[in-house]
Amino acid sequence: MPVCPAALGLPAERVEAVLRAAGAAPSLHNSQPWSFRLWRHLIEVHADVGRRLPAADPEDRELRLGCGAALLNLRLALDHHRVHPVVTVPPDGDDRTTLLAEVRAGQRGSPSAESERLYGMIERRHTARAPFRERPVPAELRHEMIQAVQREGCWLHVVGRGELGHLEGLVHRAHRVQMADGRFREELARWTGRDVGDPEGVPAAAAGPAPEPQDQWVLRDFSAGRAPRREPGLAFEAQPLLAVVSSQDSGPRAEVRAGEALQRMLLTATAGGLVASLMSQVIEVAETRQELATLLGGGWNPHAVVRIGFGAPGPPAPRRPVGDVVEAGTSASSP
C-alpha cells in the first residue's frame, strides 16, 4: 500500500520517490526537521518543530536551512519526473505557522542537463568528516560553486588566505562557548554517536575521527566519545578551502533560500568530485556570527560555513522512512 497519495499529477509511487529524494538533504545533527503535507495540486513543505535543537539552534536558523536544502532536492526530483516546480514562499511575520514553502506543478517537459546532473548527485552526496587530501580545489570548480549559490539568489564568499587566521579564531571561540554550555553538550550527545539502524542523528560510523588538540578546524566530536583513536599521521588539512553561504536579506525566507543555495552548491561540489562538511559553530553563536558578517565586508548575513576539498565521502547517514515525514491526516483532495 503506498505511504502517500498521488500529487501534482504523479502517481503515489513517484511521489514517494520525490519525497525520498527530498529527505536526503543535510541537516544539523541529521535531525531531518521537515515534513510534507500533500494535496492533489500542491505539496507544502513544513518545519517539524518537534525536531528543534534549541541549544545549538535557538532561533531555528539551521532548521530552516535544512528545510531549504530539502526543498531544493524536492525541486530537482520533480523536474526529474517531468514536473516543473513552481515554488511560493510565504512572507515572514507569522511565527505561528510551520509552513515554509508551497510547490505546485508548472509546465511539463524534460529537465535540463544541469538539473539531471544535480539530481543524480542527491544519493551520492554525504557529509565527509574525515581529513581531506592536501590538494587544492581548481579555480573552475570554485567558480561553478559560486555560480550555483548565485543561481539561488545568495552569495558564496571563498575565504582568502589573509582571512583564515581571523576565521580560525572565531571557530575556536564559538566552540569554547558551546562546550561550556551543559545544555549544548547534552543535546550534542543525544543526537550523535548513534547506533547503526537509528533513523536519525549522526551514527558513530559516520562521525569521522575524534578531534585532537592539534586540529585547527575540526573541533566537534560527532561520535559522542565513541570514535577510535586516529591512525598515526592522519591529520586534518591545515588550510582547507572554506566558503561562506550568505544573503543580503535576513529572516526565515532568506534562511530557506540559503538552504536551497547551500544544497545546490553541495551537489555541484559532489558532481565535481569534491566532498564537504559544515562548520556550524560559528553560525550558532551570535557573537561570532556577527563578527563573521563583519569579515565578509558588511551587508551580508552568513548562513553556513563549509569546508570543501578532495577526499572520500563519508558513509551515508540514516534517513527517516517517507511515511514519517508525511504529515498525519493529510488528504489528496484540494486544500
Protein backbone atom coordinates (compact mmCIF):
# COMPACT_ATOMS: atom_id res chain seq x y z
CA MET A 1 0.00 0.00 0.00
CA PRO A 2 1.50 3.40 -0.92
CA VAL A 3 2.58 5.54 2.02
CA CYS A 4 1.44 8.76 0.36
CA PRO A 5 -1.25 9.78 -2.13
CA ALA A 6 -0.85 10.91 -5.71
CA ALA A 7 0.01 14.61 -6.09
CA LEU A 8 0.91 17.12 -8.82
CA GLY A 9 -0.20 14.66 -11.47
CA LEU A 10 2.27 11.99 -10.28
CA PRO A 11 1.19 8.54 -9.10
CA ALA A 12 1.77 7.61 -5.47
CA GLU A 13 4.97 5.64 -6.09
CA ARG A 14 6.59 8.60 -7.87
CA VAL A 15 5.51 11.00 -5.13
CA GLU A 16 7.18 8.65 -2.66
CA ALA A 17 10.39 8.73 -4.74
CA VAL A 18 10.26 12.53 -4.82
CA LEU A 19 9.90 12.75 -1.03
CA ARG A 20 12.67 10.20 -0.53
CA ALA A 21 14.98 12.43 -2.57
CA ALA A 22 13.89 15.50 -0.60
CA GLY A 23 14.68 13.71 2.67
CA ALA A 24 18.28 13.03 1.55
CA ALA A 25 19.16 16.66 2.33
CA PRO A 26 21.69 17.55 5.04
CA SER A 27 20.55 18.97 8.37
CA LEU A 28 22.06 19.89 11.72
CA HIS A 29 22.93 16.64 13.56
CA ASN A 30 20.91 14.83 10.86
CA SER A 31 17.75 15.89 12.69
CA GLN A 32 15.77 15.91 9.40
CA PRO A 33 13.45 18.71 10.59
CA TRP A 34 10.98 18.70 7.70
CA SER A 35 7.55 17.36 6.91
CA PHE A 36 5.35 17.45 3.84
CA ARG A 37 1.62 17.98 3.50
CA LEU A 38 0.26 16.54 0.27
CA TRP A 39 -2.73 17.78 -1.69
CA ARG A 40 -3.78 16.85 -5.19
CA HIS A 41 -2.38 20.05 -6.71
CA LEU A 42 0.06 21.13 -4.00
CA ILE A 43 2.94 19.95 -1.82
CA GLU A 44 3.54 22.01 1.32
CA VAL A 45 6.96 21.98 2.97
CA HIS A 46 6.73 22.44 6.74
CA ALA A 47 9.22 22.80 9.56
CA ASP A 48 8.89 19.91 12.02
CA VAL A 49 9.24 21.92 15.22
CA GLY A 50 9.25 18.73 17.25
CA ARG A 51 12.76 18.17 15.92
CA ARG A 52 14.16 21.52 17.01
CA LEU A 53 17.65 21.73 18.54
CA PRO A 54 17.16 24.64 20.95
CA ALA A 55 20.64 24.60 22.48
CA ALA A 56 22.55 24.72 19.18
CA ASP A 57 19.90 26.48 17.10
CA PRO A 58 17.68 28.56 19.40
CA GLU A 59 16.31 30.76 16.60
CA ASP A 60 15.70 27.82 14.20
CA ARG A 61 18.07 29.28 11.61
CA GLU A 62 19.65 25.94 10.77
CA LEU A 63 16.29 24.18 10.96
CA ARG A 64 15.08 26.37 8.11
CA LEU A 65 18.40 25.94 6.31
CA GLY A 66 17.88 22.16 6.33
CA CYS A 67 14.30 22.56 5.11
CA GLY A 68 15.57 24.75 2.28
CA ALA A 69 18.05 22.03 1.30
CA ALA A 70 15.18 19.52 1.26
CA LEU A 71 13.17 21.93 -0.89
CA LEU A 72 15.98 22.11 -3.47
CA ASN A 73 16.08 18.29 -3.62
CA LEU A 74 12.29 18.26 -3.99
CA ARG A 75 12.53 20.67 -6.93
CA LEU A 76 15.19 18.57 -8.66
CA ALA A 77 13.23 15.35 -8.11
CA LEU A 78 10.01 16.82 -9.50
CA ASP A 79 11.96 18.13 -12.50
CA HIS A 80 13.39 14.63 -13.00
CA HIS A 81 9.82 13.31 -13.17
CA ARG A 82 8.99 15.97 -15.80
CA VAL A 83 7.03 18.22 -13.44
CA HIS A 84 8.43 21.76 -13.45
CA PRO A 85 8.06 23.01 -9.86
CA VAL A 86 6.62 26.43 -9.14
CA VAL A 87 7.57 27.46 -5.61
CA THR A 88 5.88 30.05 -3.42
CA VAL A 89 7.50 31.02 -0.11
CA PRO A 90 5.11 32.73 2.33
CA PRO A 91 6.12 36.15 3.68
CA ASP A 92 7.86 36.49 7.03
CA GLY A 93 5.90 37.58 10.04
CA ASP A 94 3.61 34.77 11.17
CA ASP A 95 5.50 32.85 13.85
CA ARG A 96 2.53 30.53 14.41
CA THR A 97 2.76 28.72 11.09
CA THR A 98 5.23 25.98 10.25
CA LEU A 99 4.67 26.42 6.50
CA LEU A 100 7.89 27.28 4.67
CA ALA A 101 7.04 26.71 1.01
CA GLU A 102 4.27 25.67 -1.36
CA VAL A 103 5.16 23.74 -4.50
CA ARG A 104 2.80 23.48 -7.47
CA ALA A 105 3.16 21.96 -10.92
CA GLY A 106 4.12 24.20 -13.78
CA GLN A 107 4.61 23.13 -17.37
CA ARG A 108 5.58 19.54 -18.02
CA GLY A 109 8.68 18.76 -20.01
CA SER A 110 12.13 17.26 -19.99
CA PRO A 111 14.56 18.50 -17.34
CA SER A 112 17.70 20.35 -18.30
CA ALA A 113 21.00 18.52 -18.41
CA GLU A 114 22.18 20.51 -15.38
CA SER A 115 19.08 19.60 -13.38
CA GLU A 116 19.57 15.92 -14.19
CA ARG A 117 23.26 16.12 -13.31
CA LEU A 118 22.48 17.50 -9.86
CA TYR A 119 19.57 15.12 -9.32
CA GLY A 120 22.00 12.25 -9.89
CA MET A 121 24.19 13.59 -7.08
CA ILE A 122 21.49 13.56 -4.39
CA GLU A 123 22.16 9.98 -3.27
CA ARG A 124 25.94 10.36 -3.71
CA ARG A 125 26.32 13.46 -1.54
CA HIS A 126 27.32 12.59 2.04
CA THR A 127 28.93 14.75 4.70
CA ALA A 128 32.67 14.00 4.87
CA ARG A 129 34.04 14.43 8.41
CA ALA A 130 37.42 12.76 7.79
CA PRO A 131 40.58 14.64 6.74
CA PHE A 132 40.79 15.78 3.13
CA ARG A 133 43.76 15.36 0.82
CA GLU A 134 46.21 18.24 0.59
CA ARG A 135 45.15 19.03 -2.95
CA PRO A 136 43.89 22.49 -3.96
CA VAL A 137 40.42 22.88 -5.43
CA PRO A 138 40.79 24.09 -9.04
CA ALA A 139 39.56 27.57 -9.89
CA GLU A 140 36.96 26.24 -12.32
CA LEU A 141 35.30 24.18 -9.58
CA ARG A 142 35.29 27.18 -7.25
CA HIS A 143 33.61 29.21 -9.98
CA GLU A 144 30.97 26.52 -10.53
CA MET A 145 30.11 26.54 -6.81
CA ILE A 146 29.89 30.33 -6.75
CA GLN A 147 27.54 30.25 -9.73
CA ALA A 148 25.41 27.55 -8.07
CA VAL A 149 24.88 29.71 -4.99
CA GLN A 150 24.18 32.82 -7.06
CA ARG A 151 21.52 30.94 -9.01
CA GLU A 152 19.51 30.73 -5.77
CA GLY A 153 19.88 34.43 -5.05
CA CYS A 154 22.70 34.11 -2.49
CA TRP A 155 26.46 34.69 -2.42
CA LEU A 156 29.39 32.34 -1.80
CA HIS A 157 32.40 34.02 -0.21
CA VAL A 158 35.53 31.92 -0.64
CA VAL A 159 37.69 32.65 2.40
CA GLY A 160 41.05 34.12 1.40
CA ARG A 161 44.38 33.21 2.95
CA GLY A 162 44.52 36.53 4.76
CA GLU A 163 41.14 35.81 6.38
CA LEU A 164 41.89 32.28 7.59
CA GLY A 165 43.52 33.34 10.87
CA HIS A 166 40.55 35.52 11.84
CA LEU A 167 38.06 32.80 10.95
CA GLU A 168 40.06 30.17 12.86
CA GLY A 169 39.86 32.34 15.96
CA LEU A 170 36.08 32.61 15.55
CA VAL A 171 35.75 28.84 15.18
CA HIS A 172 37.69 28.15 18.38
CA ARG A 173 35.87 30.83 20.35
CA ALA A 174 32.45 29.57 19.29
CA HIS A 175 33.47 26.01 20.14
CA ARG A 176 34.55 27.04 23.66
CA VAL A 177 31.29 28.93 24.23
CA GLN A 178 29.21 25.93 23.21
CA MET A 179 31.19 23.33 25.14
CA ALA A 180 30.85 25.44 28.29
CA ASP A 181 27.06 25.08 27.99
CA GLY A 182 25.73 21.93 29.64
CA ARG A 183 22.52 22.06 27.59
CA PHE A 184 24.51 22.12 24.38
CA ARG A 185 26.72 19.18 25.47
CA GLU A 186 23.66 17.12 26.40
CA GLU A 187 21.91 17.89 23.12
CA LEU A 188 25.03 17.05 21.08
CA ALA A 189 25.47 13.74 22.91
CA ARG A 190 21.79 12.88 22.36
CA TRP A 191 21.95 13.34 18.58
CA THR A 192 25.42 11.94 17.83
CA GLY A 193 27.25 8.65 18.21
CA ARG A 194 24.08 6.78 17.25
CA ASP A 195 23.91 3.06 16.59
CA VAL A 196 23.51 1.57 13.14
CA GLY A 197 19.81 1.32 12.38
CA ASP A 198 18.73 4.54 14.09
CA PRO A 199 16.71 6.52 11.51
CA GLU A 200 18.04 9.90 12.66
CA GLY A 201 21.07 11.55 14.20
CA VAL A 202 24.73 11.04 13.32
CA PRO A 203 25.86 7.40 13.58
CA ALA A 204 29.25 6.75 15.12
CA ALA A 205 30.32 5.15 11.82
CA ALA A 206 29.80 8.48 10.03
CA ALA A 207 31.30 10.70 12.74
CA GLY A 208 34.86 10.78 11.44
CA PRO A 209 37.93 10.61 13.70
CA ALA A 210 37.74 12.21 17.12
CA PRO A 211 39.21 15.73 17.24
CA GLU A 212 42.65 16.14 18.79
CA PRO A 213 44.30 19.20 20.39
CA GLN A 214 46.44 19.99 17.34
CA ASP A 215 43.46 20.22 14.99
CA GLN A 216 42.91 23.76 13.75
CA TRP A 217 39.46 23.48 12.21
CA VAL A 218 37.55 20.28 13.02
CA LEU A 219 36.67 20.52 16.70
CA ARG A 220 33.22 18.96 17.18
CA ASP A 221 33.08 15.28 18.17
CA PHE A 222 30.12 13.69 16.36
CA SER A 223 30.85 10.24 17.82
CA ALA A 224 29.75 11.07 21.41
CA GLY A 225 33.15 9.81 22.52
CA ARG A 226 32.86 6.53 20.60
CA ALA A 227 35.39 7.28 17.84
CA PRO A 228 38.57 5.19 17.99
CA ARG A 229 41.93 6.89 18.20
CA ARG A 230 43.00 8.00 14.75
CA GLU A 231 45.83 6.35 12.91
CA PRO A 232 49.29 7.91 13.40
CA GLY A 233 49.96 10.57 10.79
CA LEU A 234 46.27 11.03 9.95
CA ALA A 235 45.84 14.79 10.28
CA PHE A 236 43.24 17.27 9.18
CA GLU A 237 44.38 19.68 6.50
CA ALA A 238 45.81 22.93 7.89
CA GLN A 239 44.44 25.15 5.11
CA PRO A 240 41.17 23.72 3.79
CA LEU A 241 39.05 25.54 1.25
CA LEU A 242 36.45 27.34 3.35
CA ALA A 243 33.43 29.14 1.93
CA VAL A 244 30.52 31.05 3.46
CA VAL A 245 26.98 30.98 2.06
CA SER A 246 25.37 34.36 2.76
CA SER A 247 22.49 36.57 1.68
CA GLN A 248 21.81 40.29 1.72
CA ASP A 249 18.49 39.90 3.49
CA SER A 250 17.67 38.08 6.72
CA GLY A 251 14.74 36.25 8.26
CA PRO A 252 13.02 32.91 7.63
CA ARG A 253 12.58 33.39 3.86
CA ALA A 254 16.27 34.19 3.49
CA GLU A 255 17.21 31.13 5.55
CA VAL A 256 15.09 28.81 3.39
CA ARG A 257 16.60 30.29 0.24
CA ALA A 258 20.11 29.95 1.71
CA GLY A 259 19.38 26.28 2.34
CA GLU A 260 18.48 25.86 -1.32
CA ALA A 261 21.70 27.65 -2.31
CA LEU A 262 23.77 25.54 0.07
CA GLN A 263 22.37 22.30 -1.29
CA ARG A 264 22.83 23.36 -4.92
CA MET A 265 26.44 24.16 -4.05
CA LEU A 266 26.97 20.81 -2.28
CA LEU A 267 25.53 18.85 -5.20
CA THR A 268 27.67 20.86 -7.62
CA ALA A 269 30.72 20.06 -5.50
CA THR A 270 29.80 16.36 -5.48
CA ALA A 271 29.48 16.38 -9.27
CA GLY A 272 32.99 17.86 -9.41
CA GLY A 273 34.49 15.07 -7.30
CA LEU A 274 34.61 17.15 -4.11
CA VAL A 275 33.39 16.39 -0.61
CA ALA A 276 32.31 18.80 2.11
CA SER A 277 31.30 19.24 5.72
CA LEU A 278 29.72 22.11 7.64
CA MET A 279 31.38 24.10 10.41
CA SER A 280 28.24 25.20 12.20
CA GLN A 281 29.53 26.57 15.48
CA VAL A 282 30.48 29.97 14.06
CA ILE A 283 26.89 30.44 12.86
CA GLU A 284 25.29 29.13 16.04
CA VAL A 285 26.97 31.58 18.45
CA ALA A 286 25.52 35.06 17.95
CA GLU A 287 28.73 36.97 18.71
CA THR A 288 30.90 35.02 16.28
CA ARG A 289 28.18 35.09 13.62
CA GLN A 290 28.15 38.89 13.83
CA GLU A 291 31.95 39.04 13.59
CA LEU A 292 31.82 36.72 10.58
CA ALA A 293 29.40 39.13 8.92
CA THR A 294 31.93 41.91 9.50
CA LEU A 295 34.67 39.73 8.00
CA LEU A 296 32.53 39.39 4.87
CA GLY A 297 32.64 43.16 4.49
CA GLY A 298 29.27 44.13 5.92
CA GLY A 299 25.89 43.95 4.25
CA TRP A 300 25.88 40.15 4.13
CA ASN A 301 24.18 37.71 6.51
CA PRO A 302 26.16 34.45 6.84
CA HIS A 303 24.15 31.23 6.95
CA ALA A 304 26.69 28.41 6.58
CA VAL A 305 30.44 27.87 6.70
CA VAL A 306 31.52 24.96 4.51
CA ARG A 307 34.79 23.02 4.43
CA ILE A 308 35.42 21.68 0.92
CA GLY A 309 38.08 19.51 -0.63
CA PHE A 310 39.09 16.20 -2.17
CA GLY A 311 38.58 13.07 -0.12
CA ALA A 312 36.36 10.09 0.46
CA PRO A 313 32.70 10.84 1.10
CA GLY A 314 31.53 9.77 4.50
CA PRO A 315 29.18 6.81 4.84
CA PRO A 316 25.53 7.67 4.35
CA ALA A 317 23.66 8.83 7.41
CA PRO A 318 20.30 7.16 8.04
CA ARG A 319 17.03 8.65 6.86
CA ARG A 320 13.54 8.52 8.27
CA PRO A 321 11.02 6.48 6.28
CA VAL A 322 8.94 8.54 3.87
CA GLY A 323 5.83 7.68 5.85
CA ASP A 324 7.28 9.50 8.85
CA VAL A 325 7.72 12.80 7.01
CA VAL A 326 4.23 12.92 5.52
CA GLU A 327 2.00 14.73 7.97
CA ALA A 328 -0.72 12.61 9.53
CA GLY A 329 -4.21 13.46 8.42
CA THR A 330 -3.19 14.81 5.01
CA SER A 331 -5.51 14.44 2.09
CA ALA A 332 -5.15 14.14 -1.66
CA SER A 333 -8.07 16.49 -2.16
CA SER A 334 -7.56 20.18 -2.80
CA PRO A 335 -6.94 22.35 0.30
